N, C-alpha and C. Protein backbone atom coordinates (compact mmCIF):
# COMPACT_ATOMS: atom_id res chain seq x y z
N MET A 1 -17.27 7.19 21.41
CA MET A 1 -17.40 8.45 20.46
C MET A 1 -17.11 7.12 18.91
N ALA A 2 -17.92 8.16 17.87
CA ALA A 2 -17.95 7.50 17.03
C ALA A 2 -16.69 7.45 15.99
N ARG A 3 -16.86 6.41 15.09
CA ARG A 3 -15.36 6.52 14.13
C ARG A 3 -15.86 7.01 13.63
N THR A 4 -14.43 7.60 12.65
CA THR A 4 -15.24 8.60 11.52
C THR A 4 -15.01 7.88 10.23
N GLU A 5 -15.14 8.47 8.91
CA GLU A 5 -15.10 8.13 8.19
C GLU A 5 -13.87 8.05 7.15
N THR A 6 -13.22 8.63 7.67
CA THR A 6 -11.33 9.30 7.64
C THR A 6 -10.58 7.69 8.12
N ALA A 7 -10.86 7.80 9.36
CA ALA A 7 -10.24 6.57 10.78
C ALA A 7 -10.77 4.82 9.52
N ASP A 8 -11.92 4.58 9.18
CA ASP A 8 -12.36 3.86 8.31
C ASP A 8 -11.78 3.92 7.50
N VAL A 9 -11.39 4.59 6.68
CA VAL A 9 -10.52 4.50 5.46
C VAL A 9 -9.44 4.09 5.81
N GLN A 10 -8.61 4.80 6.63
CA GLN A 10 -6.89 4.46 6.84
C GLN A 10 -6.92 2.75 7.24
N ASP A 11 -8.17 2.52 8.00
CA ASP A 11 -7.75 1.27 8.51
C ASP A 11 -8.32 -0.11 7.55
N ALA A 12 -9.04 0.51 6.40
CA ALA A 12 -9.19 -0.49 5.21
C ALA A 12 -7.90 -0.33 4.11
N VAL A 13 -6.98 1.10 3.96
CA VAL A 13 -6.15 0.60 3.45
C VAL A 13 -5.01 0.16 4.11
N ALA A 14 -4.89 0.39 5.56
CA ALA A 14 -3.99 -0.76 6.45
C ALA A 14 -4.31 -2.24 5.99
N ALA A 15 -5.29 -2.64 6.06
CA ALA A 15 -5.63 -4.20 5.48
C ALA A 15 -5.11 -4.44 4.60
N LEU A 16 -6.07 -3.71 3.23
CA LEU A 16 -5.01 -4.04 1.97
C LEU A 16 -3.85 -4.33 2.07
N TYR A 17 -2.90 -2.77 2.85
CA TYR A 17 -1.74 -3.30 2.69
C TYR A 17 -1.42 -4.41 2.96
N ARG A 18 -1.44 -4.54 4.90
CA ARG A 18 -1.22 -6.17 5.07
C ARG A 18 -0.99 -7.28 4.50
N GLU A 19 -2.42 -7.21 3.74
CA GLU A 19 -2.78 -8.18 2.93
C GLU A 19 -2.14 -8.49 1.78
N HIS A 20 -1.69 -7.59 0.60
CA HIS A 20 -1.46 -7.88 -0.59
C HIS A 20 0.43 -6.87 -0.90
N ARG A 21 0.91 -6.83 0.44
CA ARG A 21 2.07 -5.66 0.51
C ARG A 21 3.01 -6.66 -0.57
N MET A 22 3.16 -8.13 0.08
CA MET A 22 4.19 -9.17 -0.04
C MET A 22 3.93 -9.44 -2.02
N ALA A 23 2.47 -9.89 -2.29
CA ALA A 23 2.72 -9.90 -3.59
C ALA A 23 3.03 -8.71 -4.53
N LEU A 24 2.72 -7.60 -4.10
CA LEU A 24 2.43 -6.34 -5.16
C LEU A 24 4.33 -6.08 -4.91
N LEU A 25 4.75 -6.64 -3.94
CA LEU A 25 6.46 -6.32 -3.71
C LEU A 25 7.18 -7.38 -4.89
N ARG A 26 6.48 -8.56 -4.91
CA ARG A 26 7.21 -9.44 -6.03
C ARG A 26 7.34 -8.63 -7.29
N LEU A 27 6.06 -8.55 -7.05
CA LEU A 27 5.37 -8.05 -8.90
C LEU A 27 6.15 -6.94 -9.26
N ALA A 28 6.59 -5.49 -8.63
CA ALA A 28 7.48 -4.68 -8.50
C ALA A 28 8.76 -4.94 -8.76
N ILE A 29 9.06 -6.07 -7.35
CA ILE A 29 10.84 -6.47 -8.13
C ILE A 29 10.80 -6.80 -9.44
N PHE A 30 10.11 -7.98 -9.82
CA PHE A 30 9.82 -8.50 -11.22
C PHE A 30 9.90 -7.25 -12.01
N LEU A 31 9.02 -6.50 -12.00
CA LEU A 31 8.70 -5.21 -13.44
C LEU A 31 10.52 -4.32 -12.74
N THR A 32 10.94 -4.23 -12.01
CA THR A 32 11.98 -3.20 -12.16
C THR A 32 13.29 -3.66 -12.02
N ASP A 33 13.35 -5.56 -11.52
CA ASP A 33 14.81 -5.54 -11.12
C ASP A 33 15.63 -4.65 -9.83
N ASP A 34 14.90 -4.24 -9.10
CA ASP A 34 15.76 -3.33 -7.85
C ASP A 34 14.44 -3.56 -6.58
N ARG A 35 15.11 -4.29 -5.36
CA ARG A 35 14.24 -4.37 -4.60
C ARG A 35 13.69 -2.68 -3.98
N ALA A 36 14.79 -1.77 -3.47
CA ALA A 36 14.74 -0.47 -3.20
C ALA A 36 13.43 0.14 -3.71
N THR A 37 13.84 0.41 -5.63
CA THR A 37 12.95 0.79 -5.99
C THR A 37 11.39 0.45 -5.87
N ALA A 38 11.28 -1.43 -5.98
CA ALA A 38 10.40 -1.92 -5.84
C ALA A 38 9.39 -1.62 -4.72
N GLU A 39 10.10 -1.28 -3.51
CA GLU A 39 9.74 -0.96 -2.61
C GLU A 39 8.94 0.32 -2.74
N GLU A 40 9.80 1.38 -2.51
CA GLU A 40 9.15 2.59 -2.96
C GLU A 40 7.89 2.80 -3.83
N LEU A 41 7.85 1.90 -4.99
CA LEU A 41 6.61 1.86 -5.45
C LEU A 41 5.49 1.54 -4.63
N VAL A 42 5.85 0.34 -4.17
CA VAL A 42 4.67 -0.07 -3.63
C VAL A 42 3.76 1.00 -2.13
N GLN A 43 4.94 1.53 -1.88
CA GLN A 43 4.67 2.42 -1.07
C GLN A 43 3.63 3.95 -1.34
N ASP A 44 4.41 4.09 -2.39
CA ASP A 44 3.58 5.07 -3.17
C ASP A 44 2.11 4.78 -3.91
N ALA A 45 2.61 3.50 -3.93
CA ALA A 45 0.60 3.15 -4.88
C ALA A 45 0.01 3.20 -3.47
N PHE A 46 0.23 2.88 -2.41
CA PHE A 46 -0.33 2.99 -1.33
C PHE A 46 -1.01 4.17 -0.40
N ALA A 47 0.18 4.80 -0.33
CA ALA A 47 -0.03 6.23 -0.07
C ALA A 47 -0.86 6.78 -1.05
N ALA A 48 -0.65 7.13 -2.24
CA ALA A 48 -1.62 7.57 -3.36
C ALA A 48 -2.85 7.05 -3.45
N LEU A 49 -3.48 5.88 -2.49
CA LEU A 49 -4.55 5.40 -2.57
C LEU A 49 -5.21 6.35 -0.81
N GLN A 50 -4.42 5.92 -0.31
CA GLN A 50 -4.80 6.75 1.18
C GLN A 50 -5.12 8.11 1.14
N ARG A 51 -4.69 8.78 -0.06
CA ARG A 51 -5.08 10.55 -0.39
C ARG A 51 -6.21 10.26 -0.46
N ARG A 52 -6.37 9.30 -1.39
CA ARG A 52 -7.48 9.48 -2.28
C ARG A 52 -8.62 9.34 -1.51
């Protein structure tokens, strides 16, 4: 069974998330001075990327 393009994109976004999440979270915490807000921003950014 061939993989779909959508599955490939989801895998790529998941890999980006695993690789860059902590660095982006540290940056977002620095910018917002609030961990909960920073976590939400990072999640929202990756969710938006996956929707594209």
